[in-house]
Amino acid sequence: EGVFNLGTGVGYSVLDMVHAFERANGVPVPYQIVDRRPGD
């Protein structure tokens, strides 16, 4: 057996992703803050 992680080793937040998407594509992404999800 072999076990391997497939990831980048870098963490980005939800808002990092939203703002990176807006910058890369020049489109707005409206968002609202809501309650946490259980288990996150």
PDB file of all heavy atoms in Angstrom:
ATOM      1  N   GLU A   1       0.823  -1.210   0.000  1.00  0.00           N
ATOM      2  CA  GLU A   1       0.000   0.000   0.000  1.00  0.00           C
ATOM      3  C   GLU A   1       0.856   1.258   0.000  1.00  0.00           C
ATOM      4  O   GLU A   1       1.978   1.277   0.507  1.00  0.00           O
ATOM      5  CB  GLU A   1      -0.929   0.034   1.223  1.00  0.00           C
ATOM      6  CG  GLU A   1      -0.178   0.227   2.538  1.00  0.00           C
ATOM      7  CD  GLU A   1      -1.105   0.543   3.697  1.00  0.00           C
ATOM      8  OE1 GLU A   1      -1.714  -0.398   4.219  1.00  0.00           O
ATOM      9  OE2 GLU A   1      -1.191   1.726   4.077  1.00  0.00           O
ATOM     10  N   GLY A   2       0.307   2.298  -0.600  1.00  0.00           N
ATOM     11  CA  GLY A   2       0.915   3.619  -0.561  1.00  0.00           C
ATOM     12  C   GLY A   2      -0.153   4.636  -0.250  1.00  0.00           C
ATOM     13  O   GLY A   2      -1.283   4.525  -0.743  1.00  0.00           O
ATOM     14  N   VAL A   3       0.163   5.618   0.582  1.00  0.00           N
ATOM     15  CA  VAL A   3      -0.792   6.661   0.965  1.00  0.00           C
ATOM     16  C   VAL A   3      -0.168   8.011   0.646  1.00  0.00           C
ATOM     17  O   VAL A   3       0.971   8.283   1.049  1.00  0.00           O
ATOM     18  CB  VAL A   3      -1.123   6.603   2.474  1.00  0.00           C
ATOM     19  CG1 VAL A   3      -2.175   7.656   2.830  1.00  0.00           C
ATOM     20  CG2 VAL A   3      -1.594   5.222   2.873  1.00  0.00           C
ATOM     21  N   PHE A   4      -0.918   8.864  -0.078  1.00  0.00           N
ATOM     22  CA  PHE A   4      -0.351  10.143  -0.502  1.00  0.00           C
ATOM     23  C   PHE A   4      -1.380  11.264  -0.407  1.00  0.00           C
ATOM     24  O   PHE A   4      -2.533  11.094  -0.815  1.00  0.00           O
ATOM     25  CB  PHE A   4       0.148  10.062  -1.952  1.00  0.00           C
ATOM     26  CG  PHE A   4       1.220   9.044  -2.165  1.00  0.00           C
ATOM     27  CD1 PHE A   4       0.912   7.783  -2.645  1.00  0.00           C
ATOM     28  CD2 PHE A   4       2.545   9.336  -1.850  1.00  0.00           C
ATOM     29  CE1 PHE A   4       1.900   6.823  -2.821  1.00  0.00           C
ATOM     30  CE2 PHE A   4       3.545   8.386  -2.028  1.00  0.00           C
ATOM     31  CZ  PHE A   4       3.222   7.122  -2.520  1.00  0.00           C
ATOM     32  N   ASN A   5      -0.945  12.403   0.111  1.00  0.00           N
ATOM     33  CA  ASN A   5      -1.741  13.633   0.045  1.00  0.00           C
ATOM     34  C   ASN A   5      -1.571  14.265  -1.333  1.00  0.00           C
ATOM     35  O   ASN A   5      -0.447  14.375  -1.830  1.00  0.00           O
ATOM     36  CB  ASN A   5      -1.258  14.654   1.075  1.00  0.00           C
ATOM     37  CG  ASN A   5      -1.667  14.303   2.485  1.00  0.00           C
ATOM     38  OD1 ASN A   5      -2.617  13.564   2.705  1.00  0.00           O
ATOM     39  ND2 ASN A   5      -0.940  14.837   3.468  1.00  0.00           N
ATOM     40  N   LEU A   6      -2.680  14.702  -1.926  1.00  0.00           N
ATOM     41  CA  LEU A   6      -2.608  15.511  -3.136  1.00  0.00           C
ATOM     42  C   LEU A   6      -3.165  16.890  -2.806  1.00  0.00           C
ATOM     43  O   LEU A   6      -4.373  17.098  -2.732  1.00  0.00           O
ATOM     44  CB  LEU A   6      -3.400  14.863  -4.283  1.00  0.00           C
ATOM     45  CG  LEU A   6      -2.846  13.536  -4.819  1.00  0.00           C
ATOM     46  CD1 LEU A   6      -3.670  13.054  -6.013  1.00  0.00           C
ATOM     47  CD2 LEU A   6      -1.376  13.633  -5.203  1.00  0.00           C
ATOM     48  N   GLY A   7      -2.261  17.813  -2.559  1.00  0.00           N
ATOM     49  CA  GLY A   7      -2.622  19.189  -2.240  1.00  0.00           C
ATOM     50  C   GLY A   7      -1.461  20.087  -2.637  1.00  0.00           C
ATOM     51  O   GLY A   7      -0.472  19.627  -3.207  1.00  0.00           O
ATOM     52  N   THR A   8      -1.577  21.367  -2.326  1.00  0.00           N
ATOM     53  CA  THR A   8      -0.509  22.315  -2.685  1.00  0.00           C
ATOM     54  C   THR A   8       0.389  22.647  -1.506  1.00  0.00           C
ATOM     55  O   THR A   8       1.488  23.146  -1.689  1.00  0.00           O
ATOM     56  CB  THR A   8      -1.096  23.637  -3.215  1.00  0.00           C
ATOM     57  OG1 THR A   8      -1.817  24.284  -2.154  1.00  0.00           O
ATOM     58  CG2 THR A   8      -2.028  23.394  -4.397  1.00  0.00           C
ATOM     59  N   GLY A   9      -0.129  22.421  -0.294  1.00  0.00           N
ATOM     60  CA  GLY A   9       0.618  22.823   0.892  1.00  0.00           C
ATOM     61  C   GLY A   9       0.389  24.271   1.284  1.00  0.00           C
ATOM     62  O   GLY A   9       1.018  24.775   2.205  1.00  0.00           O
ATOM     63  N   VAL A  10      -0.521  24.953   0.580  1.00  0.00           N
ATOM     64  CA  VAL A  10      -0.827  26.371   0.852  1.00  0.00           C
ATOM     65  C   VAL A  10      -2.312  26.499   1.169  1.00  0.00           C
ATOM     66  O   VAL A  10      -3.151  25.949   0.451  1.00  0.00           O
ATOM     67  CB  VAL A  10      -0.485  27.263  -0.357  1.00  0.00           C
ATOM     68  CG1 VAL A  10      -0.842  28.718  -0.070  1.00  0.00           C
ATOM     69  CG2 VAL A  10       0.990  27.125  -0.727  1.00  0.00           C
ATOM     70  N   GLY A  11      -2.639  27.228   2.217  1.00  0.00           N
ATOM     71  CA  GLY A  11      -4.034  27.438   2.577  1.00  0.00           C
ATOM     72  C   GLY A  11      -4.538  28.808   2.151  1.00  0.00           C
ATOM     73  O   GLY A  11      -3.834  29.808   2.310  1.00  0.00           O
ATOM     74  N   TYR A  12      -5.747  28.839   1.581  1.00  0.00           N
ATOM     75  CA  TYR A  12      -6.409  30.108   1.237  1.00  0.00           C
ATOM     76  C   TYR A  12      -7.769  30.146   1.921  1.00  0.00           C
ATOM     77  O   TYR A  12      -8.469  29.128   2.002  1.00  0.00           O
ATOM     78  CB  TYR A  12      -6.614  30.223  -0.278  1.00  0.00           C
ATOM     79  CG  TYR A  12      -5.334  30.352  -1.073  1.00  0.00           C
ATOM     80  CD1 TYR A  12      -4.840  29.270  -1.797  1.00  0.00           C
ATOM     81  CD2 TYR A  12      -4.619  31.550  -1.090  1.00  0.00           C
ATOM     82  CE1 TYR A  12      -3.666  29.382  -2.526  1.00  0.00           C
ATOM     83  CE2 TYR A  12      -3.442  31.666  -1.808  1.00  0.00           C
ATOM     84  CZ  TYR A  12      -2.965  30.578  -2.527  1.00  0.00           C
ATOM     85  OH  TYR A  12      -1.803  30.683  -3.240  1.00  0.00           O
ATOM     86  N   SER A  13      -8.167  31.333   2.383  1.00  0.00           N
ATOM     87  CA  SER A  13      -9.471  31.468   3.023  1.00  0.00           C
ATOM     88  C   SER A  13     -10.569  31.602   1.975  1.00  0.00           C
ATOM     89  O   SER A  13     -10.302  31.820   0.783  1.00  0.00           O
ATOM     90  CB  SER A  13      -9.478  32.704   3.932  1.00  0.00           C
ATOM     91  OG  SER A  13      -9.564  33.890   3.143  1.00  0.00           O
ATOM     92  N   VAL A  14     -11.802  31.498   2.431  1.00  0.00           N
ATOM     93  CA  VAL A  14     -12.949  31.673   1.528  1.00  0.00           C
ATOM     94  C   VAL A  14     -12.890  33.048   0.865  1.00  0.00           C
ATOM     95  O   VAL A  14     -13.059  33.174  -0.355  1.00  0.00           O
ATOM     96  CB  VAL A  14     -14.281  31.506   2.298  1.00  0.00           C
ATOM     97  CG1 VAL A  14     -15.468  31.830   1.386  1.00  0.00           C
ATOM     98  CG2 VAL A  14     -14.405  30.090   2.850  1.00  0.00           C
ATOM     99  N   LEU A  15     -12.624  34.082   1.657  1.00  0.00           N
ATOM    100  CA  LEU A  15     -12.575  35.429   1.076  1.00  0.00           C
ATOM    101  C   LEU A  15     -11.354  35.624   0.187  1.00  0.00           C
ATOM    102  O   LEU A  15     -11.418  36.375  -0.793  1.00  0.00           O
ATOM    103  CB  LEU A  15     -12.629  36.494   2.184  1.00  0.00           C
ATOM    104  CG  LEU A  15     -13.972  36.598   2.918  1.00  0.00           C
ATOM    105  CD1 LEU A  15     -13.941  37.745   3.930  1.00  0.00           C
ATOM    106  CD2 LEU A  15     -15.138  36.787   1.947  1.00  0.00           C
ATOM    107  N   ASP A  16     -10.242  34.947   0.492  1.00  0.00           N
ATOM    108  CA  ASP A  16      -9.104  34.955  -0.436  1.00  0.00           C
ATOM    109  C   ASP A  16      -9.547  34.458  -1.806  1.00  0.00           C
ATOM    110  O   ASP A  16      -9.184  35.027  -2.843  1.00  0.00           O
ATOM    111  CB  ASP A  16      -7.979  34.030   0.059  1.00  0.00           C
ATOM    112  CG  ASP A  16      -7.204  34.588   1.242  1.00  0.00           C
ATOM    113  OD1 ASP A  16      -7.229  35.815   1.447  1.00  0.00           O
ATOM    114  OD2 ASP A  16      -6.573  33.777   1.947  1.00  0.00           O
ATOM    115  N   MET A  17     -10.323  33.376  -1.806  1.00  0.00           N
ATOM    116  CA  MET A  17     -10.779  32.780  -3.071  1.00  0.00           C
ATOM    117  C   MET A  17     -11.733  33.720  -3.805  1.00  0.00           C
ATOM    118  O   MET A  17     -11.640  33.891  -5.029  1.00  0.00           O
ATOM    119  CB  MET A  17     -11.463  31.438  -2.805  1.00  0.00           C
ATOM    120  CG  MET A  17     -10.553  30.373  -2.215  1.00  0.00           C
ATOM    121  SD  MET A  17      -9.172  29.929  -3.293  1.00  0.00           S
ATOM    122  CE  MET A  17     -10.025  28.978  -4.554  1.00  0.00           C
ATOM    123  N   VAL A  18     -12.635  34.323  -3.072  1.00  0.00           N
ATOM    124  CA  VAL A  18     -13.597  35.259  -3.683  1.00  0.00           C
ATOM    125  C   VAL A  18     -12.854  36.416  -4.348  1.00  0.00           C
ATOM    126  O   VAL A  18     -13.101  36.755  -5.517  1.00  0.00           O
ATOM    127  CB  VAL A  18     -14.588  35.792  -2.621  1.00  0.00           C
ATOM    128  CG1 VAL A  18     -15.409  36.951  -3.188  1.00  0.00           C
ATOM    129  CG2 VAL A  18     -15.515  34.673  -2.151  1.00  0.00           C
ATOM    130  N   HIS A  19     -11.941  37.024  -3.623  1.00  0.00           N
ATOM    131  CA  HIS A  19     -11.239  38.204  -4.156  1.00  0.00           C
ATOM    132  C   HIS A  19     -10.281  37.828  -5.282  1.00  0.00           C
ATOM    133  O   HIS A  19     -10.124  38.585  -6.258  1.00  0.00           O
ATOM    134  CB  HIS A  19     -10.500  38.925  -3.026  1.00  0.00           C
ATOM    135  CG  HIS A  19     -11.422  39.426  -1.947  1.00  0.00           C
ATOM    136  ND1 HIS A  19     -12.665  39.974  -2.229  1.00  0.00           N
ATOM    137  CD2 HIS A  19     -11.293  39.441  -0.585  1.00  0.00           C
ATOM    138  CE1 HIS A  19     -13.255  40.311  -1.097  1.00  0.00           C
ATOM    139  NE2 HIS A  19     -12.451  39.996  -0.092  1.00  0.00           N
ATOM    140  N   ALA A  20      -9.651  36.641  -5.189  1.00  0.00           N
ATOM    141  CA  ALA A  20      -8.770  36.190  -6.276  1.00  0.00           C
ATOM    142  C   ALA A  20      -9.576  35.950  -7.549  1.00  0.00           C
ATOM    143  O   ALA A  20      -9.125  36.278  -8.653  1.00  0.00           O
ATOM    144  CB  ALA A  20      -8.044  34.907  -5.863  1.00  0.00           C
ATOM    145  N   PHE A  21     -10.780  35.408  -7.401  1.00  0.00           N
ATOM    146  CA  PHE A  21     -11.663  35.166  -8.552  1.00  0.00           C
ATOM    147  C   PHE A  21     -12.056  36.499  -9.197  1.00  0.00           C
ATOM    148  O   PHE A  21     -12.032  36.636 -10.425  1.00  0.00           O
ATOM    149  CB  PHE A  21     -12.909  34.407  -8.089  1.00  0.00           C
ATOM    150  CG  PHE A  21     -13.793  33.915  -9.205  1.00  0.00           C
ATOM    151  CD1 PHE A  21     -13.644  32.632  -9.702  1.00  0.00           C
ATOM    152  CD2 PHE A  21     -14.778  34.729  -9.760  1.00  0.00           C
ATOM    153  CE1 PHE A  21     -14.458  32.166 -10.730  1.00  0.00           C
ATOM    154  CE2 PHE A  21     -15.593  34.274 -10.779  1.00  0.00           C
ATOM    155  CZ  PHE A  21     -15.432  32.992 -11.268  1.00  0.00           C
ATOM    156  N   GLU A  22     -12.405  37.472  -8.371  1.00  0.00           N
ATOM    157  CA  GLU A  22     -12.790  38.793  -8.897  1.00  0.00           C
ATOM    158  C   GLU A  22     -11.627  39.435  -9.645  1.00  0.00           C
ATOM    159  O   GLU A  22     -11.804  40.001 -10.732  1.00  0.00           O
ATOM    160  CB  GLU A  22     -13.259  39.692  -7.747  1.00  0.00           C
ATOM    161  CG  GLU A  22     -14.575  39.249  -7.133  1.00  0.00           C
ATOM    162  CD  GLU A  22     -14.986  40.108  -5.949  1.00  0.00           C
ATOM    163  OE1 GLU A  22     -14.080  40.520  -5.163  1.00  0.00           O
ATOM    164  OE2 GLU A  22     -16.189  40.365  -5.778  1.00  0.00           O
ATOM    165  N   ARG A  23     -10.420  39.351  -9.074  1.00  0.00           N
ATOM    166  CA  ARG A  23      -9.241  39.951  -9.710  1.00  0.00           C
ATOM    167  C   ARG A  23      -8.898  39.244 -11.028  1.00  0.00           C
ATOM    168  O   ARG A  23      -8.609  39.897 -12.034  1.00  0.00           O
ATOM    169  CB  ARG A  23      -8.022  39.875  -8.770  1.00  0.00           C
ATOM    170  CG  ARG A  23      -8.024  40.871  -7.646  1.00  0.00           C
ATOM    171  CD  ARG A  23      -6.641  40.955  -7.005  1.00  0.00           C
ATOM    172  NE  ARG A  23      -6.138  39.645  -6.582  1.00  0.00           N
ATOM    173  CZ  ARG A  23      -6.395  39.095  -5.402  1.00  0.00           C
ATOM    174  NH1 ARG A  23      -7.145  39.730  -4.516  1.00  0.00           N
ATOM    175  NH2 ARG A  23      -5.881  37.917  -5.092  1.00  0.00           N
ATOM    176  N   ALA A  24      -8.922  37.915 -11.017  1.00  0.00           N
ATOM    177  CA  ALA A  24      -8.494  37.152 -12.194  1.00  0.00           C
ATOM    178  C   ALA A  24      -9.440  37.342 -13.367  1.00  0.00           C
ATOM    179  O   ALA A  24      -9.017  37.311 -14.533  1.00  0.00           O
ATOM    180  CB  ALA A  24      -8.391  35.665 -11.849  1.00  0.00           C
ATOM    181  N   ASN A  25     -10.731  37.560 -13.067  1.00  0.00           N
ATOM    182  CA  ASN A  25     -11.738  37.540 -14.131  1.00  0.00           C
ATOM    183  C   ASN A  25     -12.466  38.857 -14.339  1.00  0.00           C
ATOM    184  O   ASN A  25     -13.249  38.989 -15.283  1.00  0.00           O
ATOM    185  CB  ASN A  25     -12.756  36.418 -13.842  1.00  0.00           C
ATOM    186  CG  ASN A  25     -12.074  35.065 -13.750  1.00  0.00           C
ATOM    187  OD1 ASN A  25     -11.354  34.668 -14.657  1.00  0.00           O
ATOM    188  ND2 ASN A  25     -12.297  34.351 -12.646  1.00  0.00           N
ATOM    189  N   GLY A  26     -12.229  39.841 -13.463  1.00  0.00           N
ATOM    190  CA  GLY A  26     -12.869  41.131 -13.621  1.00  0.00           C
ATOM    191  C   GLY A  26     -14.373  41.101 -13.466  1.00  0.00           C
ATOM    192  O   GLY A  26     -15.095  41.869 -14.106  1.00  0.00           O
ATOM    193  N   VAL A  27     -14.867  40.181 -12.621  1.00  0.00           N
ATOM    194  CA  VAL A  27     -16.314  40.082 -12.384  1.00  0.00           C
ATOM    195  C   VAL A  27     -16.571  40.139 -10.877  1.00  0.00           C
ATOM    196  O   VAL A  27     -15.766  39.640 -10.092  1.00  0.00           O
ATOM    197  CB  VAL A  27     -16.903  38.776 -12.970  1.00  0.00           C
ATOM    198  CG1 VAL A  27     -16.869  38.796 -14.487  1.00  0.00           C
ATOM    199  CG2 VAL A  27     -16.170  37.544 -12.444  1.00  0.00           C
ATOM    200  N   PRO A  28     -17.679  40.761 -10.462  1.00  0.00           N
ATOM    201  CA  PRO A  28     -17.984  40.827  -9.030  1.00  0.00           C
ATOM    202  C   PRO A  28     -18.617  39.528  -8.536  1.00  0.00           C
ATOM    203  O   PRO A  28     -19.308  38.836  -9.283  1.00  0.00           O
ATOM    204  CB  PRO A  28     -18.984  41.987  -8.938  1.00  0.00           C
ATOM    205  CG  PRO A  28     -19.665  41.994 -10.276  1.00  0.00           C
ATOM    206  CD  PRO A  28     -18.649  41.522 -11.283  1.00  0.00           C
ATOM    207  N   VAL A  29     -18.368  39.209  -7.275  1.00  0.00           N
ATOM    208  CA  VAL A  29     -18.993  38.043  -6.633  1.00  0.00           C
ATOM    209  C   VAL A  29     -19.649  38.524  -5.338  1.00  0.00           C
ATOM    210  O   VAL A  29     -19.001  38.650  -4.296  1.00  0.00           O
ATOM    211  CB  VAL A  29     -17.955  36.940  -6.319  1.00  0.00           C
ATOM    212  CG1 VAL A  29     -18.647  35.748  -5.650  1.00  0.00           C
ATOM    213  CG2 VAL A  29     -17.216  36.497  -7.577  1.00  0.00           C
ATOM    214  N   PRO A  30     -20.952  38.860  -5.397  1.00  0.00           N
ATOM    215  CA  PRO A  30     -21.631  39.295  -4.173  1.00  0.00           C
ATOM    216  C   PRO A  30     -21.673  38.161  -3.145  1.00  0.00           C
ATOM    217  O   PRO A  30     -21.905  37.011  -3.509  1.00  0.00           O
ATOM    218  CB  PRO A  30     -23.047  39.654  -4.636  1.00  0.00           C
ATOM    219  CG  PRO A  30     -23.126  39.333  -6.079  1.00  0.00           C
ATOM    220  CD  PRO A  30     -21.822  38.811  -6.557  1.00  0.00           C
ATOM    221  N   TYR A  31     -21.437  38.501  -1.879  1.00  0.00           N
ATOM    222  CA  TYR A  31     -21.480  37.462  -0.844  1.00  0.00           C
ATOM    223  C   TYR A  31     -22.081  38.028   0.429  1.00  0.00           C
ATOM    224  O   TYR A  31     -22.143  39.237   0.622  1.00  0.00           O
ATOM    225  CB  TYR A  31     -20.077  36.905  -0.566  1.00  0.00           C
ATOM    226  CG  TYR A  31     -19.111  37.870   0.067  1.00  0.00           C
ATOM    227  CD1 TYR A  31     -19.036  38.013   1.456  1.00  0.00           C
ATOM    228  CD2 TYR A  31     -18.248  38.647  -0.716  1.00  0.00           C
ATOM    229  CE1 TYR A  31     -18.133  38.898   2.049  1.00  0.00           C
ATOM    230  CE2 TYR A  31     -17.349  39.533  -0.148  1.00  0.00           C
ATOM    231  CZ  TYR A  31     -17.290  39.655   1.239  1.00  0.00           C
ATOM    232  OH  TYR A  31     -16.428  40.538   1.819  1.00  0.00           O
ATOM    233  N   GLN A  32     -22.530  37.123   1.288  1.00  0.00           N
ATOM    234  CA  GLN A  32     -23.028  37.514   2.599  1.00  0.00           C
ATOM    235  C   GLN A  32     -22.494  36.534   3.639  1.00  0.00           C
ATOM    236  O   GLN A  32     -22.291  35.355   3.344  1.00  0.00           O
ATOM    237  CB  GLN A  32     -24.563  37.519   2.636  1.00  0.00           C
ATOM    238  CG  GLN A  32     -25.187  36.160   2.356  1.00  0.00           C
ATOM    239  CD  GLN A  32     -26.700  36.166   2.444  1.00  0.00           C
ATOM    240  OE1 GLN A  32     -27.297  37.143   2.894  1.00  0.00           O
ATOM    241  NE2 GLN A  32     -27.329  35.080   2.014  1.00  0.00           N
ATOM    242  N   ILE A  33     -22.238  37.036   4.828  1.00  0.00           N
ATOM    243  CA  ILE A  33     -21.764  36.191   5.919  1.00  0.00           C
ATOM    244  C   ILE A  33     -22.979  35.557   6.600  1.00  0.00           C
ATOM    245  O   ILE A  33     -23.936  36.259   6.959  1.00  0.00           O
ATOM    246  CB  ILE A  33     -20.962  37.002   6.950  1.00  0.00           C
ATOM    247  CG1 ILE A  33     -19.811  37.764   6.269  1.00  0.00           C
ATOM    248  CG2 ILE A  33     -20.437  36.087   8.048  1.00  0.00           C
ATOM    249  CD1 ILE A  33     -18.774  36.899   5.602  1.00  0.00           C
ATOM    250  N   VAL A  34     -22.947  34.238   6.759  1.00  0.00           N
ATOM    251  CA  VAL A  34     -24.021  33.529   7.453  1.00  0.00           C
ATOM    252  C   VAL A  34     -23.383  32.687   8.561  1.00  0.00           C
ATOM    253  O   VAL A  34     -22.167  32.689   8.748  1.00  0.00           O
ATOM    254  CB  VAL A  34     -24.834  32.636   6.483  1.00  0.00           C
ATOM    255  CG1 VAL A  34     -25.510  33.501   5.414  1.00  0.00           C
ATOM    256  CG2 VAL A  34     -23.956  31.580   5.820  1.00  0.00           C
ATOM    257  N   ASP A  35     -24.235  31.980   9.314  1.00  0.00           N
ATOM    258  CA  ASP A  35     -23.727  31.194  10.438  1.00  0.00           C
ATOM    259  C   ASP A  35     -22.770  30.108   9.971  1.00  0.00           C
ATOM    260  O   ASP A  35     -22.860  29.601   8.852  1.00  0.00           O
ATOM    261  CB  ASP A  35     -24.894  30.539  11.191  1.00  0.00           C
ATOM    262  CG  ASP A  35     -25.743  31.566  11.934  1.00  0.00           C
ATOM    263  OD1 ASP A  35     -25.243  32.692  12.154  1.00  0.00           O
ATOM    264  OD2 ASP A  35     -26.899  31.238  12.272  1.00  0.00           O
ATOM    265  N   ARG A  36     -21.883  29.733  10.876  1.00  0.00           N
ATOM    266  CA  ARG A  36     -20.994  28.596  10.611  1.00  0.00           C
ATOM    267  C   ARG A  36     -21.803  27.327  10.331  1.00  0.00           C
ATOM    268  O   ARG A  36     -22.932  27.179  10.790  1.00  0.00           O
ATOM    269  CB  ARG A  36     -20.126  28.299  11.835  1.00  0.00           C
ATOM    270  CG  ARG A  36     -19.087  29.323  12.193  1.00  0.00           C
ATOM    271  CD  ARG A  36     -18.271  28.745  13.349  1.00  0.00           C
ATOM    272  NE  ARG A  36     -17.255  29.658  13.863  1.00  0.00           N
ATOM    273  CZ  ARG A  36     -16.293  29.283  14.702  1.00  0.00           C
ATOM    274  NH1 ARG A  36     -16.225  28.026  15.117  1.00  0.00           N
ATOM    275  NH2 ARG A  36     -15.402  30.161  15.128  1.00  0.00           N
ATOM    276  N   ARG A  37     -21.183  26.408   9.601  1.00  0.00           N
ATOM    277  CA  ARG A  37     -21.769  25.070   9.439  1.00  0.00           C
ATOM    278  C   ARG A  37     -21.223  24.168  10.544  1.00  0.00           C
ATOM    279  O   ARG A  37     -20.036  24.240  10.868  1.00  0.00           O
ATOM    280  CB  ARG A  37     -21.411  24.474   8.075  1.00  0.00           C
ATOM    281  CG  ARG A  37     -22.112  25.130   6.919  1.00  0.00           C
ATOM    282  CD  ARG A  37     -21.731  24.479   5.608  1.00  0.00           C
ATOM    283  NE  ARG A  37     -20.280  24.529   5.356  1.00  0.00           N
ATOM    284  CZ  ARG A  37     -19.719  24.311   4.179  1.00  0.00           C
ATOM    285  NH1 ARG A  37     -20.480  24.009   3.135  1.00  0.00           N
ATOM    286  NH2 ARG A  37     -18.409  24.373   4.030  1.00  0.00           N
ATOM    287  N   PRO A  38     -22.079  23.291  11.099  1.00  0.00           N
ATOM    288  CA  PRO A  38     -21.583  22.377  12.130  1.00  0.00           C
ATOM    289  C   PRO A  38     -20.486  21.481  11.555  1.00  0.00           C
ATOM    290  O   PRO A  38     -20.599  20.991  10.438  1.00  0.00           O
ATOM    291  CB  PRO A  38     -22.816  21.542  12.506  1.00  0.00           C
ATOM    292  CG  PRO A  38     -23.990  22.184  11.850  1.00  0.00           C
ATOM    293  CD  PRO A  38     -23.495  23.125  10.818  1.00  0.00           C
ATOM    294  N   GLY A  39     -19.429  21.278  12.340  1.00  0.00           N
ATOM    295  CA  GLY A  39     -18.378  20.346  11.923  1.00  0.00           C
ATOM    296  C   GLY A  39     -17.272  20.958  11.090  1.00  0.00           C
ATOM    297  O   GLY A  39     -16.252  20.309  10.845  1.00  0.00           O
ATOM    298  N   ASP A  40     -17.438  22.188  10.628  1.00  0.00           N
ATOM    299  CA  ASP A  40     -16.379  22.827   9.834  1.00  0.00           C
ATOM    300  C   ASP A  40     -15.194  23.207  10.727  1.00  0.00           C
ATOM    301  O   ASP A  40     -15.381  23.727  11.834  1.00  0.00           O
ATOM    302  CB  ASP A  40     -16.915  24.097   9.147  1.00  0.00           C
ATOM    303  CG  ASP A  40     -17.552  23.806   7.806  1.00  0.00           C
ATOM    304  OD1 ASP A  40     -17.519  22.641   7.370  1.00  0.00           O
ATOM    305  OD2 ASP A  40     -18.080  24.748   7.181  1.00  0.00           O
TER     306      ASP A  40
END
